[in-house]
């Protein structure tokens, strides 16, 4: 069992679809806005991790952390709800949550 004081981490894999984007420039403008809001409003670390050369598709990796699992799950829910509202034409979110203690065990074996 993880140390309860070690903190908790969530990684979200976010698949986005931009049907109205007619160019990479248009997609990047939308993505820049999404990434800035996720970082500024929710304190998330965000990176575009796939589909860089496709006009209407993007994959983001989003990381969040908290001192409690309940707070982390609430933050993940808020981010997911905001993404659903912001991108009604296409968003899918895969969640992975772990305690930092569990991650420490994985890192120590590498």
N, C-alpha and C. Protein backbone atom coordinates (compact mmCIF):
# COMPACT_ATOMS: atom_id res chain seq x y z
N UNK A 1 0.85 -1.19 0.00
CA UNK A 1 0.00 0.00 0.00
C UNK A 1 0.88 1.25 0.00
N UNK A 2 0.47 2.27 -0.70
CA UNK A 2 1.24 3.51 -0.83
C UNK A 2 1.16 4.33 0.46
N UNK A 3 2.20 5.10 0.70
CA UNK A 3 2.23 6.04 1.81
C UNK A 3 1.14 7.08 1.59
N UNK A 4 0.17 7.24 2.53
CA UNK A 4 -0.94 8.16 2.29
C UNK A 4 -0.50 9.62 2.20
N UNK A 5 0.68 9.95 2.67
CA UNK A 5 1.16 11.33 2.58
C UNK A 5 2.01 11.60 1.35
N UNK A 6 2.07 10.63 0.44
CA UNK A 6 2.99 10.76 -0.69
C UNK A 6 2.43 11.54 -1.86
N UNK A 7 1.13 11.78 -1.90
CA UNK A 7 0.52 12.51 -2.99
C UNK A 7 0.00 11.57 -4.07
N UNK A 8 -0.74 12.15 -5.00
CA UNK A 8 -1.39 11.38 -6.05
C UNK A 8 -1.22 12.08 -7.39
N UNK A 9 -1.17 11.27 -8.44
CA UNK A 9 -0.91 11.78 -9.79
C UNK A 9 -1.96 11.21 -10.75
N UNK A 10 -2.42 12.06 -11.66
CA UNK A 10 -3.31 11.62 -12.73
C UNK A 10 -2.68 11.98 -14.07
N UNK A 11 -2.74 11.06 -14.98
CA UNK A 11 -2.34 11.33 -16.37
C UNK A 11 -3.57 11.05 -17.23
N UNK A 12 -3.92 12.04 -18.02
CA UNK A 12 -5.04 11.93 -18.94
C UNK A 12 -4.51 11.90 -20.36
N UNK A 13 -4.98 10.97 -21.14
CA UNK A 13 -4.69 10.94 -22.57
C UNK A 13 -5.96 11.45 -23.25
N UNK A 14 -5.84 12.59 -23.90
CA UNK A 14 -6.99 13.29 -24.47
C UNK A 14 -6.91 13.25 -25.99
N UNK A 15 -7.91 12.66 -26.61
CA UNK A 15 -8.02 12.63 -28.07
C UNK A 15 -9.03 13.70 -28.47
N UNK A 16 -8.61 14.60 -29.34
CA UNK A 16 -9.47 15.70 -29.77
C UNK A 16 -9.72 15.63 -31.28
N UNK A 17 -10.91 16.05 -31.67
CA UNK A 17 -11.26 16.13 -33.09
C UNK A 17 -11.73 17.55 -33.37
N UNK A 18 -11.17 18.16 -34.40
CA UNK A 18 -11.50 19.52 -34.80
C UNK A 18 -12.08 19.50 -36.22
N UNK A 19 -13.36 19.18 -36.38
CA UNK A 19 -13.92 19.05 -37.72
C UNK A 19 -13.92 20.36 -38.51
N UNK A 20 -13.91 21.49 -37.82
CA UNK A 20 -13.94 22.78 -38.51
C UNK A 20 -12.55 23.27 -38.93
N UNK A 21 -11.50 22.63 -38.45
CA UNK A 21 -10.14 23.06 -38.79
C UNK A 21 -9.83 22.73 -40.24
N UNK A 22 -9.43 23.74 -40.99
CA UNK A 22 -9.11 23.54 -42.40
C UNK A 22 -7.63 23.58 -42.68
N UNK A 23 -6.83 23.72 -41.60
CA UNK A 23 -5.38 23.78 -41.78
C UNK A 23 -4.71 23.47 -40.44
N UNK A 24 -3.42 23.19 -40.52
CA UNK A 24 -2.66 22.98 -39.29
C UNK A 24 -2.64 24.25 -38.45
N UNK A 25 -2.60 25.39 -39.10
CA UNK A 25 -2.59 26.66 -38.39
C UNK A 25 -3.86 26.83 -37.55
N UNK A 26 -5.00 26.48 -38.10
CA UNK A 26 -6.27 26.58 -37.37
C UNK A 26 -6.30 25.62 -36.19
N UNK A 27 -5.83 24.38 -36.42
CA UNK A 27 -5.79 23.41 -35.33
C UNK A 27 -4.87 23.88 -34.22
N UNK A 28 -3.71 24.37 -34.58
CA UNK A 28 -2.73 24.81 -33.57
C UNK A 28 -3.25 26.00 -32.76
N UNK A 29 -4.03 26.86 -33.40
CA UNK A 29 -4.63 27.99 -32.67
C UNK A 29 -5.58 27.47 -31.60
N UNK A 30 -6.45 26.53 -31.97
CA UNK A 30 -7.37 25.93 -31.00
C UNK A 30 -6.61 25.20 -29.90
N UNK A 31 -5.61 24.43 -30.28
CA UNK A 31 -4.83 23.68 -29.30
C UNK A 31 -4.10 24.59 -28.32
N UNK A 32 -3.54 25.67 -28.83
CA UNK A 32 -2.83 26.62 -27.96
C UNK A 32 -3.78 27.17 -26.89
N UNK A 33 -4.98 27.49 -27.28
CA UNK A 33 -5.98 27.99 -26.34
C UNK A 33 -6.34 26.92 -25.30
N UNK A 34 -6.59 25.71 -25.75
CA UNK A 34 -6.94 24.62 -24.84
C UNK A 34 -5.81 24.36 -23.85
N UNK A 35 -4.59 24.28 -24.35
CA UNK A 35 -3.44 24.02 -23.48
C UNK A 35 -3.25 25.14 -22.46
N UNK A 36 -3.42 26.38 -22.87
CA UNK A 36 -3.26 27.52 -21.95
C UNK A 36 -4.31 27.49 -20.85
N UNK A 37 -5.55 27.18 -21.20
CA UNK A 37 -6.61 27.13 -20.19
C UNK A 37 -6.40 25.96 -19.23
N UNK A 38 -6.03 24.79 -19.75
CA UNK A 38 -5.77 23.65 -18.87
C UNK A 38 -4.65 23.96 -17.89
N UNK A 39 -3.63 24.65 -18.36
CA UNK A 39 -2.52 25.01 -17.48
C UNK A 39 -2.92 26.12 -16.50
N UNK A 40 -3.50 27.18 -17.01
CA UNK A 40 -3.82 28.34 -16.17
C UNK A 40 -4.96 28.12 -15.20
N UNK A 41 -6.04 27.52 -15.65
CA UNK A 41 -7.24 27.35 -14.81
C UNK A 41 -7.15 26.12 -13.92
N UNK A 42 -6.54 25.03 -14.43
CA UNK A 42 -6.54 23.77 -13.69
C UNK A 42 -5.16 23.36 -13.18
N UNK A 43 -4.13 24.11 -13.50
CA UNK A 43 -2.79 23.80 -13.02
C UNK A 43 -2.19 22.55 -13.63
N UNK A 44 -2.64 22.19 -14.81
CA UNK A 44 -2.18 20.95 -15.46
C UNK A 44 -0.93 21.20 -16.29
N UNK A 45 -0.10 20.18 -16.35
CA UNK A 45 0.99 20.16 -17.32
C UNK A 45 0.44 19.49 -18.57
N UNK A 46 0.66 20.12 -19.74
CA UNK A 46 0.03 19.65 -20.97
C UNK A 46 1.06 19.59 -22.09
N UNK A 47 1.00 18.50 -22.87
CA UNK A 47 1.86 18.37 -24.05
C UNK A 47 1.07 17.73 -25.18
N UNK A 48 1.29 18.23 -26.39
CA UNK A 48 0.74 17.57 -27.57
C UNK A 48 1.66 16.40 -27.89
N UNK A 49 1.12 15.20 -27.92
CA UNK A 49 1.96 14.01 -28.01
C UNK A 49 1.77 13.18 -29.27
N UNK A 50 0.79 13.52 -30.11
CA UNK A 50 0.60 12.75 -31.35
C UNK A 50 -0.22 13.56 -32.34
N UNK A 51 -0.17 13.10 -33.59
CA UNK A 51 -0.97 13.67 -34.69
C UNK A 51 -0.58 15.12 -34.99
N UNK A 52 0.68 15.43 -34.89
CA UNK A 52 1.17 16.79 -35.13
C UNK A 52 0.89 17.28 -36.55
N UNK A 53 0.87 16.37 -37.50
CA UNK A 53 0.73 16.77 -38.90
C UNK A 53 -0.69 16.59 -39.45
N UNK A 54 -1.64 16.25 -38.57
CA UNK A 54 -3.03 16.11 -39.02
C UNK A 54 -3.83 17.36 -38.68
N UNK A 55 -4.66 17.80 -39.59
CA UNK A 55 -5.41 19.05 -39.41
C UNK A 55 -6.50 18.95 -38.37
N UNK A 56 -7.18 17.83 -38.31
CA UNK A 56 -8.39 17.76 -37.51
C UNK A 56 -8.29 16.85 -36.29
N UNK A 57 -7.10 16.40 -35.96
CA UNK A 57 -6.95 15.46 -34.86
C UNK A 57 -5.75 15.83 -34.01
N UNK A 58 -5.88 15.61 -32.69
CA UNK A 58 -4.76 15.88 -31.78
C UNK A 58 -4.85 14.94 -30.59
N UNK A 59 -3.70 14.65 -30.02
CA UNK A 59 -3.65 13.91 -28.76
C UNK A 59 -2.82 14.73 -27.78
N UNK A 60 -3.40 14.96 -26.61
CA UNK A 60 -2.70 15.65 -25.53
C UNK A 60 -2.47 14.70 -24.38
N UNK A 61 -1.34 14.85 -23.72
CA UNK A 61 -1.10 14.19 -22.44
C UNK A 61 -1.18 15.29 -21.39
N UNK A 62 -2.01 15.05 -20.37
CA UNK A 62 -2.28 16.05 -19.33
C UNK A 62 -1.95 15.42 -17.99
N UNK A 63 -1.17 16.12 -17.16
CA UNK A 63 -0.81 15.61 -15.84
C UNK A 63 -1.32 16.55 -14.76
N UNK A 64 -1.89 15.95 -13.72
CA UNK A 64 -2.40 16.68 -12.55
C UNK A 64 -1.88 15.98 -11.30
N UNK A 65 -1.72 16.72 -10.22
CA UNK A 65 -1.34 16.08 -8.96
C UNK A 65 -2.07 16.75 -7.81
N UNK A 66 -2.18 16.00 -6.69
CA UNK A 66 -2.89 16.51 -5.51
C UNK A 66 -2.43 15.73 -4.29
N UNK A 67 -2.71 16.29 -3.14
CA UNK A 67 -2.38 15.63 -1.88
C UNK A 67 -3.40 14.58 -1.47
N UNK A 68 -4.57 14.57 -2.11
CA UNK A 68 -5.58 13.55 -1.77
C UNK A 68 -6.20 13.01 -3.05
N UNK A 69 -6.55 11.74 -2.99
CA UNK A 69 -7.17 11.10 -4.15
C UNK A 69 -8.52 11.73 -4.46
N UNK A 70 -9.28 12.09 -3.42
CA UNK A 70 -10.60 12.70 -3.64
C UNK A 70 -10.47 14.03 -4.39
N UNK A 71 -9.52 14.86 -3.98
CA UNK A 71 -9.30 16.14 -4.66
C UNK A 71 -8.82 15.93 -6.09
N UNK A 72 -7.95 14.93 -6.28
CA UNK A 72 -7.45 14.65 -7.62
C UNK A 72 -8.58 14.18 -8.53
N UNK A 73 -9.42 13.28 -8.05
CA UNK A 73 -10.54 12.80 -8.86
C UNK A 73 -11.49 13.94 -9.20
N UNK A 74 -11.72 14.86 -8.27
CA UNK A 74 -12.57 16.03 -8.54
C UNK A 74 -11.94 16.91 -9.61
N UNK A 75 -10.62 17.11 -9.55
CA UNK A 75 -9.92 17.91 -10.56
C UNK A 75 -10.01 17.26 -11.93
N UNK A 76 -9.83 15.95 -11.97
CA UNK A 76 -9.92 15.22 -13.24
C UNK A 76 -11.33 15.34 -13.81
N UNK A 77 -12.33 15.23 -12.95
CA UNK A 77 -13.72 15.38 -13.40
C UNK A 77 -13.96 16.78 -13.97
N UNK A 78 -13.44 17.82 -13.31
CA UNK A 78 -13.62 19.19 -13.82
C UNK A 78 -12.95 19.37 -15.16
N UNK A 79 -11.73 18.85 -15.31
CA UNK A 79 -11.02 18.95 -16.59
C UNK A 79 -11.81 18.23 -17.68
N UNK A 80 -12.28 17.03 -17.39
CA UNK A 80 -13.03 16.25 -18.37
C UNK A 80 -14.32 16.96 -18.77
N UNK A 81 -15.05 17.51 -17.79
CA UNK A 81 -16.28 18.24 -18.09
C UNK A 81 -15.99 19.47 -18.94
N UNK A 82 -14.92 20.20 -18.63
CA UNK A 82 -14.57 21.38 -19.41
C UNK A 82 -14.23 20.99 -20.84
N UNK A 83 -13.45 19.91 -21.01
CA UNK A 83 -13.10 19.46 -22.36
C UNK A 83 -14.34 19.04 -23.15
N UNK A 84 -15.27 18.35 -22.49
CA UNK A 84 -16.52 17.95 -23.16
C UNK A 84 -17.30 19.18 -23.63
N UNK A 85 -17.34 20.21 -22.80
CA UNK A 85 -18.06 21.44 -23.16
C UNK A 85 -17.32 22.21 -24.25
N UNK A 86 -16.00 22.24 -24.18
CA UNK A 86 -15.18 23.03 -25.12
C UNK A 86 -15.12 22.38 -26.50
N UNK A 87 -15.14 21.06 -26.53
CA UNK A 87 -14.98 20.32 -27.79
C UNK A 87 -16.14 19.34 -27.98
N UNK A 88 -17.36 19.86 -28.15
CA UNK A 88 -18.52 18.96 -28.24
C UNK A 88 -18.49 18.05 -29.46
N UNK A 89 -17.71 18.41 -30.47
CA UNK A 89 -17.69 17.61 -31.69
C UNK A 89 -16.75 16.42 -31.61
N UNK A 90 -16.00 16.31 -30.54
CA UNK A 90 -15.16 15.13 -30.45
C UNK A 90 -14.07 15.22 -29.41
N UNK A 91 -14.26 14.52 -28.29
CA UNK A 91 -13.21 14.40 -27.28
C UNK A 91 -13.37 13.05 -26.60
N UNK A 92 -12.25 12.40 -26.35
CA UNK A 92 -12.22 11.17 -25.58
C UNK A 92 -11.09 11.29 -24.57
N UNK A 93 -11.37 10.91 -23.33
CA UNK A 93 -10.37 11.05 -22.27
C UNK A 93 -10.15 9.70 -21.60
N UNK A 94 -8.90 9.28 -21.57
CA UNK A 94 -8.50 8.08 -20.84
C UNK A 94 -7.79 8.54 -19.57
N UNK A 95 -8.19 8.01 -18.41
CA UNK A 95 -7.64 8.42 -17.12
C UNK A 95 -6.74 7.33 -16.55
N UNK A 96 -5.63 7.77 -15.97
CA UNK A 96 -4.77 6.88 -15.20
C UNK A 96 -4.42 7.61 -13.91
N UNK A 97 -4.76 7.02 -12.78
CA UNK A 97 -4.49 7.63 -11.48
C UNK A 97 -3.61 6.70 -10.67
N UNK A 98 -2.68 7.29 -9.91
CA UNK A 98 -1.79 6.49 -9.08
C UNK A 98 -1.31 7.32 -7.90
N UNK A 99 -0.90 6.63 -6.86
CA UNK A 99 -0.25 7.35 -5.75
C UNK A 99 1.21 7.56 -6.13
N UNK A 100 1.79 8.63 -5.64
CA UNK A 100 3.19 8.90 -5.92
C UNK A 100 4.06 7.78 -5.34
N UNK A 101 3.61 7.19 -4.24
CA UNK A 101 4.35 6.06 -3.66
C UNK A 101 4.41 4.88 -4.61
N UNK A 102 3.29 4.59 -5.30
CA UNK A 102 3.28 3.51 -6.28
C UNK A 102 4.24 3.82 -7.42
N UNK A 103 4.27 5.07 -7.85
CA UNK A 103 5.17 5.47 -8.93
C UNK A 103 6.62 5.38 -8.49
N UNK A 104 6.89 5.71 -7.23
CA UNK A 104 8.26 5.61 -6.70
C UNK A 104 8.74 4.17 -6.79
N UNK A 105 7.87 3.21 -6.48
CA UNK A 105 8.22 1.80 -6.58
C UNK A 105 8.57 1.42 -8.01
N UNK A 106 7.84 1.94 -8.99
CA UNK A 106 8.11 1.66 -10.40
C UNK A 106 9.44 2.27 -10.82
N UNK A 107 9.68 3.52 -10.43
CA UNK A 107 10.91 4.21 -10.82
C UNK A 107 12.12 3.54 -10.21
N UNK A 108 12.02 3.05 -8.99
CA UNK A 108 13.17 2.44 -8.35
C UNK A 108 13.57 1.13 -9.02
N UNK A 109 12.67 0.50 -9.79
CA UNK A 109 13.00 -0.73 -10.47
C UNK A 109 13.60 -0.49 -11.85
N UNK A 110 13.56 0.74 -12.35
CA UNK A 110 14.10 1.03 -13.68
C UNK A 110 15.61 1.05 -13.69
